[in-house]
Structure formats: structure tokens, C-alpha cells
Amino acid sequence: MTTDDGYRPIDCDQHSILELLAMRRTTVGARARDAAGVVFGLDAVVFDVVTRDSAEYLMLRDTVGKVYQIRLDRLLSLHAPSGGLLWRQETVVS
């Protein structure tokens, strides 16, 4: 299923892991694609998963307090500060 704006929901198990990381306020290195498809990285703390405008977003806050939102279908991976893989995009529900 894809929404009118092209959002493709992620797998429920994948979503549950993100919610757990948010509940634990986990510090991560995030990799994602922006709206233009350019890959970027961000070091921040996961603090919420929200639904807005028919899409879901991972909410992160960096060390200076700036808040970022990453649409879940654009999120590629999350790594621990030590480099270990915490989460990666495996499937997108079709």
C-alpha cells in the first residue's frame, strides 16, 4: 500500500523496534534518504515515533537540541555509537 504522497508503511516488526529505541531514548547514528533521494547521516537520540499527514516519522534530537524527523520509509539504518547495527530497513509493506 502506498499513500497519495508516496509513503510506503514499514513492516510492523520493524516499527516496534523503532518504538523500543524511542522509549529507551537510544543514541544512534542514523542513515536515511532525503526527499530528493540523497543519503545523509545524523548522530542523535531517538525520542519518538509519530504519525502525521498519513505518514510515520522517527523523531531525533542532536547534542545541541535540534530536532529532526525522518520519514520511516526513507530511514535506511540505525547504528549504536560503537558501530553495531541496531536497525535496518528490511521490508516495506506493499
PDB file of N, CA and C in Angstrom:
ATOM      1  N   MET A   1       0.848  -1.177   0.000  1.00  0.00           N
ATOM      2  CA  MET A   1       0.000   0.000   0.000  1.00  0.00           C
ATOM      3  C   MET A   1       0.896   1.243   0.000  1.00  0.00           C
ATOM      4  N   THR A   2       0.546   2.195  -0.807  1.00  0.00           N
ATOM      5  CA  THR A   2       1.240   3.471  -0.878  1.00  0.00           C
ATOM      6  C   THR A   2       0.207   4.574  -0.740  1.00  0.00           C
ATOM      7  N   THR A   3       0.522   5.615   0.028  1.00  0.00           N
ATOM      8  CA  THR A   3      -0.410   6.731   0.169  1.00  0.00           C
ATOM      9  C   THR A   3      -0.259   7.667  -1.019  1.00  0.00           C
ATOM     10  N   ASP A   4      -1.134   8.664  -1.084  1.00  0.00           N
ATOM     11  CA  ASP A   4      -1.118   9.620  -2.193  1.00  0.00           C
ATOM     12  C   ASP A   4       0.228  10.336  -2.331  1.00  0.00           C
ATOM     13  N   ASP A   5       0.918  10.557  -1.222  1.00  0.00           N
ATOM     14  CA  ASP A   5       2.211  11.254  -1.293  1.00  0.00           C
ATOM     15  C   ASP A   5       3.382  10.292  -1.476  1.00  0.00           C
ATOM     16  N   GLY A   6       3.088   9.021  -1.730  1.00  0.00           N
ATOM     17  CA  GLY A   6       4.128   8.039  -1.980  1.00  0.00           C
ATOM     18  C   GLY A   6       4.660   7.331  -0.750  1.00  0.00           C
ATOM     19  N   TYR A   7       4.127   7.633   0.438  1.00  0.00           N
ATOM     20  CA  TYR A   7       4.597   6.974   1.651  1.00  0.00           C
ATOM     21  C   TYR A   7       4.251   5.497   1.606  1.00  0.00           C
ATOM     22  N   ARG A   8       5.248   4.670   1.925  1.00  0.00           N
ATOM     23  CA  ARG A   8       5.048   3.218   1.996  1.00  0.00           C
ATOM     24  C   ARG A   8       5.305   2.777   3.431  1.00  0.00           C
ATOM     25  N   PRO A   9       4.278   2.315   4.144  1.00  0.00           N
ATOM     26  CA  PRO A   9       4.455   1.911   5.545  1.00  0.00           C
ATOM     27  C   PRO A   9       5.505   0.810   5.676  1.00  0.00           C
ATOM     28  N   ILE A  10       6.242   0.832   6.791  1.00  0.00           N
ATOM     29  CA  ILE A  10       7.220  -0.214   7.039  1.00  0.00           C
ATOM     30  C   ILE A  10       6.543  -1.375   7.750  1.00  0.00           C
ATOM     31  N   ASP A  11       7.221  -2.495   7.792  1.00  0.00           N
ATOM     32  CA  ASP A  11       6.756  -3.703   8.450  1.00  0.00           C
ATOM     33  C   ASP A  11       6.494  -3.435   9.942  1.00  0.00           C
ATOM     34  N   CYS A  12       5.459  -4.034  10.494  1.00  0.00           N
ATOM     35  CA  CYS A  12       5.082  -3.813  11.903  1.00  0.00           C
ATOM     36  C   CYS A  12       6.187  -4.203  12.876  1.00  0.00           C
ATOM     37  N   ASP A  13       6.903  -5.302  12.610  1.00  0.00           N
ATOM     38  CA  ASP A  13       8.007  -5.699  13.493  1.00  0.00           C
ATOM     39  C   ASP A  13       9.110  -4.653  13.479  1.00  0.00           C
ATOM     40  N   GLN A  14       9.391  -4.092  12.310  1.00  0.00           N
ATOM     41  CA  GLN A  14      10.390  -3.044  12.186  1.00  0.00           C
ATOM     42  C   GLN A  14       9.958  -1.803  12.972  1.00  0.00           C
ATOM     43  N   HIS A  15       8.683  -1.481  12.883  1.00  0.00           N
ATOM     44  CA  HIS A  15       8.119  -0.333  13.597  1.00  0.00           C
ATOM     45  C   HIS A  15       8.251  -0.512  15.104  1.00  0.00           C
ATOM     46  N   SER A  16       8.002  -1.717  15.585  1.00  0.00           N
ATOM     47  CA  SER A  16       8.081  -2.000  17.027  1.00  0.00           C
ATOM     48  C   SER A  16       9.487  -1.773  17.562  1.00  0.00           C
ATOM     49  N   ILE A  17      10.490  -2.132  16.789  1.00  0.00           N
ATOM     50  CA  ILE A  17      11.874  -1.910  17.210  1.00  0.00           C
ATOM     51  C   ILE A  17      12.142  -0.415  17.349  1.00  0.00           C
ATOM     52  N   LEU A  18      11.661   0.377  16.408  1.00  0.00           N
ATOM     53  CA  LEU A  18      11.853   1.831  16.481  1.00  0.00           C
ATOM     54  C   LEU A  18      11.178   2.416  17.714  1.00  0.00           C
ATOM     55  N   GLU A  19       9.977   1.922  18.038  1.00  0.00           N
ATOM     56  CA  GLU A  19       9.290   2.400  19.241  1.00  0.00           C
ATOM     57  C   GLU A  19      10.082   2.067  20.501  1.00  0.00           C
ATOM     58  N   LEU A  20      10.683   0.885  20.547  1.00  0.00           N
ATOM     59  CA  LEU A  20      11.504   0.498  21.692  1.00  0.00           C
ATOM     60  C   LEU A  20      12.735   1.406  21.818  1.00  0.00           C
ATOM     61  N   LEU A  21      13.373   1.703  20.698  1.00  0.00           N
ATOM     62  CA  LEU A  21      14.520   2.612  20.727  1.00  0.00           C
ATOM     63  C   LEU A  21      14.110   3.993  21.232  1.00  0.00           C
ATOM     64  N   ALA A  22      12.927   4.445  20.861  1.00  0.00           N
ATOM     65  CA  ALA A  22      12.427   5.741  21.328  1.00  0.00           C
ATOM     66  C   ALA A  22      12.139   5.709  22.829  1.00  0.00           C
ATOM     67  N   MET A  23      11.511   4.648  23.302  1.00  0.00           N
ATOM     68  CA  MET A  23      11.217   4.535  24.733  1.00  0.00           C
ATOM     69  C   MET A  23      12.497   4.553  25.562  1.00  0.00           C
ATOM     70  N   ARG A  24      13.554   3.980  25.042  1.00  0.00           N
ATOM     71  CA  ARG A  24      14.840   3.918  25.754  1.00  0.00           C
ATOM     72  C   ARG A  24      15.705   5.158  25.528  1.00  0.00           C
ATOM     73  N   ARG A  25      15.214   6.081  24.676  1.00  0.00           N
ATOM     74  CA  ARG A  25      15.985   7.295  24.347  1.00  0.00           C
ATOM     75  C   ARG A  25      17.404   6.912  23.897  1.00  0.00           C
ATOM     76  N   THR A  26      17.456   6.040  22.919  1.00  0.00           N
ATOM     77  CA  THR A  26      18.703   5.465  22.432  1.00  0.00           C
ATOM     78  C   THR A  26      19.476   6.440  21.551  1.00  0.00           C
ATOM     79  N   THR A  27      20.773   6.575  21.808  1.00  0.00           N
ATOM     80  CA  THR A  27      21.649   7.367  20.957  1.00  0.00           C
ATOM     81  C   THR A  27      22.034   6.513  19.752  1.00  0.00           C
ATOM     82  N   VAL A  28      21.883   7.086  18.565  1.00  0.00           N
ATOM     83  CA  VAL A  28      22.123   6.337  17.333  1.00  0.00           C
ATOM     84  C   VAL A  28      22.880   7.175  16.307  1.00  0.00           C
ATOM     85  N   GLY A  29      23.459   6.476  15.373  1.00  0.00           N
ATOM     86  CA  GLY A  29      23.916   7.068  14.125  1.00  0.00           C
ATOM     87  C   GLY A  29      22.897   6.644  13.090  1.00  0.00           C
ATOM     88  N   ALA A  30      22.161   7.598  12.544  1.00  0.00           N
ATOM     89  CA  ALA A  30      21.091   7.282  11.584  1.00  0.00           C
ATOM     90  C   ALA A  30      21.575   7.535  10.163  1.00  0.00           C
ATOM     91  N   ARG A  31      21.156   6.678   9.251  1.00  0.00           N
ATOM     92  CA  ARG A  31      21.369   6.892   7.815  1.00  0.00           C
ATOM     93  C   ARG A  31      20.003   6.863   7.170  1.00  0.00           C
ATOM     94  N   ALA A  32      19.750   7.830   6.288  1.00  0.00           N
ATOM     95  CA  ALA A  32      18.443   7.944   5.640  1.00  0.00           C
ATOM     96  C   ALA A  32      18.606   8.635   4.292  1.00  0.00           C
ATOM     97  N   ARG A  33      17.520   8.671   3.545  1.00  0.00           N
ATOM     98  CA  ARG A  33      17.475   9.408   2.280  1.00  0.00           C
ATOM     99  C   ARG A  33      16.556  10.603   2.467  1.00  0.00           C
ATOM    100  N   ASP A  34      16.954  11.751   1.940  1.00  0.00           N
ATOM    101  CA  ASP A  34      16.062  12.906   1.994  1.00  0.00           C
ATOM    102  C   ASP A  34      15.038  12.798   0.868  1.00  0.00           C
ATOM    103  N   ALA A  35      14.166  13.780   0.735  1.00  0.00           N
ATOM    104  CA  ALA A  35      13.089  13.748  -0.265  1.00  0.00           C
ATOM    105  C   ALA A  35      13.624  13.647  -1.689  1.00  0.00           C
ATOM    106  N   ALA A  36      14.857  14.123  -1.910  1.00  0.00           N
ATOM    107  CA  ALA A  36      15.466  14.060  -3.240  1.00  0.00           C
ATOM    108  C   ALA A  36      16.216  12.744  -3.469  1.00  0.00           C
ATOM    109  N   GLY A  37      16.271  11.891  -2.437  1.00  0.00           N
ATOM    110  CA  GLY A  37      16.952  10.613  -2.566  1.00  0.00           C
ATOM    111  C   GLY A  37      18.410  10.618  -2.172  1.00  0.00           C
ATOM    112  N   VAL A  38      18.902  11.747  -1.664  1.00  0.00           N
ATOM    113  CA  VAL A  38      20.299  11.859  -1.249  1.00  0.00           C
ATOM    114  C   VAL A  38      20.473  11.241   0.142  1.00  0.00           C
ATOM    115  N   VAL A  39      21.460  10.350   0.280  1.00  0.00           N
ATOM    116  CA  VAL A  39      21.719   9.696   1.558  1.00  0.00           C
ATOM    117  C   VAL A  39      22.478  10.653   2.480  1.00  0.00           C
ATOM    118  N   PHE A  40      22.052  10.694   3.754  1.00  0.00           N
ATOM    119  CA  PHE A  40      22.730  11.520   4.749  1.00  0.00           C
ATOM    120  C   PHE A  40      22.842  10.753   6.059  1.00  0.00           C
ATOM    121  N   GLY A  41      23.722  11.234   6.928  1.00  0.00           N
ATOM    122  CA  GLY A  41      23.908  10.639   8.245  1.00  0.00           C
ATOM    123  C   GLY A  41      23.650  11.655   9.332  1.00  0.00           C
ATOM    124  N   LEU A  42      23.294  11.170  10.499  1.00  0.00           N
ATOM    125  CA  LEU A  42      22.946  12.032  11.616  1.00  0.00           C
ATOM    126  C   LEU A  42      23.210  11.276  12.915  1.00  0.00           C
ATOM    127  N   ASP A  43      23.902  11.895  13.862  1.00  0.00           N
ATOM    128  CA  ASP A  43      24.096  11.335  15.194  1.00  0.00           C
ATOM    129  C   ASP A  43      23.129  12.043  16.132  1.00  0.00           C
ATOM    130  N   ALA A  44      22.254  11.270  16.792  1.00  0.00           N
ATOM    131  CA  ALA A  44      21.214  11.885  17.623  1.00  0.00           C
ATOM    132  C   ALA A  44      20.583  10.837  18.535  1.00  0.00           C
ATOM    133  N   VAL A  45      19.658  11.308  19.387  1.00  0.00           N
ATOM    134  CA  VAL A  45      18.894  10.451  20.288  1.00  0.00           C
ATOM    135  C   VAL A  45      17.488  10.281  19.719  1.00  0.00           C
ATOM    136  N   VAL A  46      17.050   9.031  19.626  1.00  0.00           N
ATOM    137  CA  VAL A  46      15.679   8.737  19.198  1.00  0.00           C
ATOM    138  C   VAL A  46      14.762   9.036  20.376  1.00  0.00           C
ATOM    139  N   PHE A  47      13.706   9.855  20.152  1.00  0.00           N
ATOM    140  CA  PHE A  47      12.813  10.137  21.276  1.00  0.00           C
ATOM    141  C   PHE A  47      11.341   9.903  20.987  1.00  0.00           C
ATOM    142  N   ASP A  48      10.956   9.628  19.736  1.00  0.00           N
ATOM    143  CA  ASP A  48       9.539   9.378  19.459  1.00  0.00           C
ATOM    144  C   ASP A  48       9.363   8.820  18.058  1.00  0.00           C
ATOM    145  N   VAL A  49       8.221   8.179  17.850  1.00  0.00           N
ATOM    146  CA  VAL A  49       7.743   7.776  16.528  1.00  0.00           C
ATOM    147  C   VAL A  49       6.346   8.362  16.417  1.00  0.00           C
ATOM    148  N   VAL A  50       6.116   9.187  15.406  1.00  0.00           N
ATOM    149  CA  VAL A  50       4.837   9.880  15.290  1.00  0.00           C
ATOM    150  C   VAL A  50       4.206   9.634  13.925  1.00  0.00           C
ATOM    151  N   THR A  51       2.882   9.793  13.883  1.00  0.00           N
ATOM    152  CA  THR A  51       2.138   9.720  12.632  1.00  0.00           C
ATOM    153  C   THR A  51       1.559  11.094  12.353  1.00  0.00           C
ATOM    154  N   ARG A  52       1.793  11.563  11.127  1.00  0.00           N
ATOM    155  CA  ARG A  52       1.311  12.885  10.732  1.00  0.00           C
ATOM    156  C   ARG A  52       1.123  12.892   9.225  1.00  0.00           C
ATOM    157  N   ASP A  53       0.025  13.455   8.762  1.00  0.00           N
ATOM    158  CA  ASP A  53      -0.232  13.598   7.329  1.00  0.00           C
ATOM    159  C   ASP A  53      -0.099  12.270   6.582  1.00  0.00           C
ATOM    160  N   SER A  54      -0.665  11.210   7.151  1.00  0.00           N
ATOM    161  CA  SER A  54      -0.693   9.877   6.536  1.00  0.00           C
ATOM    162  C   SER A  54       0.679   9.238   6.376  1.00  0.00           C
ATOM    163  N   ALA A  55       1.659   9.656   7.177  1.00  0.00           N
ATOM    164  CA  ALA A  55       2.993   9.051   7.150  1.00  0.00           C
ATOM    165  C   ALA A  55       3.517   8.965   8.580  1.00  0.00           C
ATOM    166  N   GLU A  56       4.523   8.107   8.776  1.00  0.00           N
ATOM    167  CA  GLU A  56       5.123   7.940  10.097  1.00  0.00           C
ATOM    168  C   GLU A  56       6.554   8.462  10.064  1.00  0.00           C
ATOM    169  N   TYR A  57       6.986   9.035  11.198  1.00  0.00           N
ATOM    170  CA  TYR A  57       8.295   9.670  11.285  1.00  0.00           C
ATOM    171  C   TYR A  57       9.017   9.249  12.546  1.00  0.00           C
ATOM    172  N   LEU A  58      10.327   9.088  12.437  1.00  0.00           N
ATOM    173  CA  LEU A  58      11.180   8.895  13.593  1.00  0.00           C
ATOM    174  C   LEU A  58      11.668  10.273  14.014  1.00  0.00           C
ATOM    175  N   MET A  59      11.509  10.590  15.289  1.00  0.00           N
ATOM    176  CA  MET A  59      11.918  11.884  15.811  1.00  0.00           C
ATOM    177  C   MET A  59      13.236  11.705  16.559  1.00  0.00           C
ATOM    178  N   LEU A  60      14.202  12.585  16.236  1.00  0.00           N
ATOM    179  CA  LEU A  60      15.525  12.523  16.843  1.00  0.00           C
ATOM    180  C   LEU A  60      15.949  13.910  17.303  1.00  0.00           C
ATOM    181  N   ARG A  61      16.836  13.944  18.314  1.00  0.00           N
ATOM    182  CA  ARG A  61      17.363  15.215  18.820  1.00  0.00           C
ATOM    183  C   ARG A  61      18.876  15.085  18.914  1.00  0.00           C
ATOM    184  N   ASP A  62      19.596  16.058  18.323  1.00  0.00           N
ATOM    185  CA  ASP A  62      21.057  16.002  18.377  1.00  0.00           C
ATOM    186  C   ASP A  62      21.582  16.617  19.673  1.00  0.00           C
ATOM    187  N   THR A  63      22.896  16.667  19.820  1.00  0.00           N
ATOM    188  CA  THR A  63      23.510  17.111  21.078  1.00  0.00           C
ATOM    189  C   THR A  63      23.287  18.584  21.388  1.00  0.00           C
ATOM    190  N   VAL A  64      22.952  19.395  20.378  1.00  0.00           N
ATOM    191  CA  VAL A  64      22.675  20.815  20.637  1.00  0.00           C
ATOM    192  C   VAL A  64      21.176  21.093  20.738  1.00  0.00           C
ATOM    193  N   GLY A  65      20.358  20.029  20.690  1.00  0.00           N
ATOM    194  CA  GLY A  65      18.923  20.176  20.875  1.00  0.00           C
ATOM    195  C   GLY A  65      18.098  20.329  19.616  1.00  0.00           C
ATOM    196  N   LYS A  66      18.732  20.297  18.443  1.00  0.00           N
ATOM    197  CA  LYS A  66      17.976  20.418  17.196  1.00  0.00           C
ATOM    198  C   LYS A  66      17.197  19.128  16.955  1.00  0.00           C
ATOM    199  N   VAL A  67      15.926  19.276  16.593  1.00  0.00           N
ATOM    200  CA  VAL A  67      15.038  18.139  16.355  1.00  0.00           C
ATOM    201  C   VAL A  67      14.964  17.839  14.863  1.00  0.00           C
ATOM    202  N   TYR A  68      15.040  16.562  14.554  1.00  0.00           N
ATOM    203  CA  TYR A  68      14.947  16.073  13.178  1.00  0.00           C
ATOM    204  C   TYR A  68      13.814  15.071  13.090  1.00  0.00           C
ATOM    205  N   GLN A  69      13.176  15.013  11.933  1.00  0.00           N
ATOM    206  CA  GLN A  69      12.176  13.977  11.687  1.00  0.00           C
ATOM    207  C   GLN A  69      12.546  13.279  10.392  1.00  0.00           C
ATOM    208  N   ILE A  70      12.534  11.952  10.445  1.00  0.00           N
ATOM    209  CA  ILE A  70      12.857  11.156   9.271  1.00  0.00           C
ATOM    210  C   ILE A  70      11.663  10.266   8.967  1.00  0.00           C
ATOM    211  N   ARG A  71      11.151  10.394   7.765  1.00  0.00           N
ATOM    212  CA  ARG A  71      10.036   9.549   7.351  1.00  0.00           C
ATOM    213  C   ARG A  71      10.513   8.097   7.348  1.00  0.00           C
ATOM    214  N   LEU A  72       9.732   7.201   7.950  1.00  0.00           N
ATOM    215  CA  LEU A  72      10.187   5.833   8.172  1.00  0.00           C
ATOM    216  C   LEU A  72      10.539   5.091   6.891  1.00  0.00           C
ATOM    217  N   ASP A  73       9.848   5.359   5.802  1.00  0.00           N
ATOM    218  CA  ASP A  73      10.192   4.655   4.567  1.00  0.00           C
ATOM    219  C   ASP A  73      11.462   5.198   3.914  1.00  0.00           C
ATOM    220  N   ARG A  74      12.020   6.283   4.474  1.00  0.00           N
ATOM    221  CA  ARG A  74      13.289   6.833   3.981  1.00  0.00           C
ATOM    222  C   ARG A  74      14.448   6.507   4.921  1.00  0.00           C
ATOM    223  N   LEU A  75      14.144   5.925   6.068  1.00  0.00           N
ATOM    224  CA  LEU A  75      15.156   5.542   7.042  1.00  0.00           C
ATOM    225  C   LEU A  75      15.855   4.276   6.546  1.00  0.00           C
ATOM    226  N   LEU A  76      17.183   4.291   6.498  1.00  0.00           N
ATOM    227  CA  LEU A  76      17.942   3.151   5.991  1.00  0.00           C
ATOM    228  C   LEU A  76      18.479   2.273   7.111  1.00  0.00           C
ATOM    229  N   SER A  77      19.106   2.886   8.134  1.00  0.00           N
ATOM    230  CA  SER A  77      19.673   2.103   9.223  1.00  0.00           C
ATOM    231  C   SER A  77      19.945   2.980  10.437  1.00  0.00           C
ATOM    232  N   LEU A  78      20.061   2.302  11.580  1.00  0.00           N
ATOM    233  CA  LEU A  78      20.434   2.942  12.836  1.00  0.00           C
ATOM    234  C   LEU A  78      21.554   2.118  13.449  1.00  0.00           C
ATOM    235  N   HIS A  79      22.613   2.800  13.894  1.00  0.00           N
ATOM    236  CA  HIS A  79      23.761   2.138  14.495  1.00  0.00           C
ATOM    237  C   HIS A  79      24.015   2.684  15.893  1.00  0.00           C
ATOM    238  N   ALA A  80      24.526   1.828  16.765  1.00  0.00           N
ATOM    239  CA  ALA A  80      24.949   2.250  18.099  1.00  0.00           C
ATOM    240  C   ALA A  80      26.202   3.105  17.955  1.00  0.00           C
ATOM    241  N   PRO A  81      26.511   3.936  18.959  1.00  0.00           N
ATOM    242  CA  PRO A  81      27.741   4.730  18.913  1.00  0.00           C
ATOM    243  C   PRO A  81      28.994   3.873  18.683  1.00  0.00           C
ATOM    244  N   SER A  82      28.958   2.626  19.141  1.00  0.00           N
ATOM    245  CA  SER A  82      30.084   1.704  18.951  1.00  0.00           C
ATOM    246  C   SER A  82      30.161   1.172  17.521  1.00  0.00           C
ATOM    247  N   GLY A  83      29.127   1.454  16.726  1.00  0.00           N
ATOM    248  CA  GLY A  83      29.101   1.000  15.343  1.00  0.00           C
ATOM    249  C   GLY A  83      28.209  -0.197  15.081  1.00  0.00           C
ATOM    250  N   GLY A  84      27.755  -0.860  16.137  1.00  0.00           N
ATOM    251  CA  GLY A  84      26.900  -2.038  15.964  1.00  0.00           C
ATOM    252  C   GLY A  84      25.550  -1.679  15.368  1.00  0.00           C
ATOM    253  N   LEU A  85      25.053  -2.535  14.497  1.00  0.00           N
ATOM    254  CA  LEU A  85      23.761  -2.321  13.846  1.00  0.00           C
ATOM    255  C   LEU A  85      22.616  -2.523  14.839  1.00  0.00           C
ATOM    256  N   LEU A  86      21.740  -1.531  14.969  1.00  0.00           N
ATOM    257  CA  LEU A  86      20.558  -1.622  15.826  1.00  0.00           C
ATOM    258  C   LEU A  86      19.299  -1.917  15.020  1.00  0.00           C
ATOM    259  N   TRP A  87      19.232  -1.375  13.808  1.00  0.00           N
ATOM    260  CA  TRP A  87      18.024  -1.482  12.981  1.00  0.00           C
ATOM    261  C   TRP A  87      18.405  -1.196  11.539  1.00  0.00           C
ATOM    262  N   ARG A  88      17.753  -1.888  10.617  1.00  0.00           N
ATOM    263  CA  ARG A  88      17.910  -1.532   9.215  1.00  0.00           C
ATOM    264  C   ARG A  88      16.606  -1.787   8.486  1.00  0.00           C
ATOM    265  N   GLN A  89      16.395  -1.026   7.465  1.00  0.00           N
ATOM    266  CA  GLN A  89      15.189  -1.156   6.651  1.00  0.00           C
ATOM    267  C   GLN A  89      15.258  -2.506   5.948  1.00  0.00           C
ATOM    268  N   GLU A  90      14.318  -3.381   6.256  1.00  0.00           N
ATOM    269  CA  GLU A  90      14.318  -4.704   5.643  1.00  0.00           C
ATOM    270  C   GLU A  90      13.213  -4.841   4.622  1.00  0.00           C
ATOM    271  N   THR A  91      12.039  -4.382   5.002  1.00  0.00           N
ATOM    272  CA  THR A  91      10.915  -4.529   4.079  1.00  0.00           C
ATOM    273  C   THR A  91      10.040  -3.299   4.155  1.00  0.00           C
ATOM    274  N   VAL A  92       9.394  -3.037   3.068  1.00  0.00           N
ATOM    275  CA  VAL A  92       8.376  -2.003   3.014  1.00  0.00           C
ATOM    276  C   VAL A  92       7.102  -2.717   2.602  1.00  0.00           C
ATOM    277  N   VAL A  93       6.037  -2.523   3.353  1.00  0.00           N
ATOM    278  CA  VAL A  93       4.761  -3.173   3.059  1.00  0.00           C
ATOM    279  C   VAL A  93       4.272  -2.708   1.710  1.00  0.00           C
ATOM    280  N   SER A  94       3.841  -3.645   0.870  1.00  0.00           N
ATOM    281  CA  SER A  94       3.343  -3.244  -0.464  1.00  0.00           C
ATOM    282  C   SER A  94       1.853  -3.401  -0.564  1.00  0.00           C
TER     283      SER A  94
END
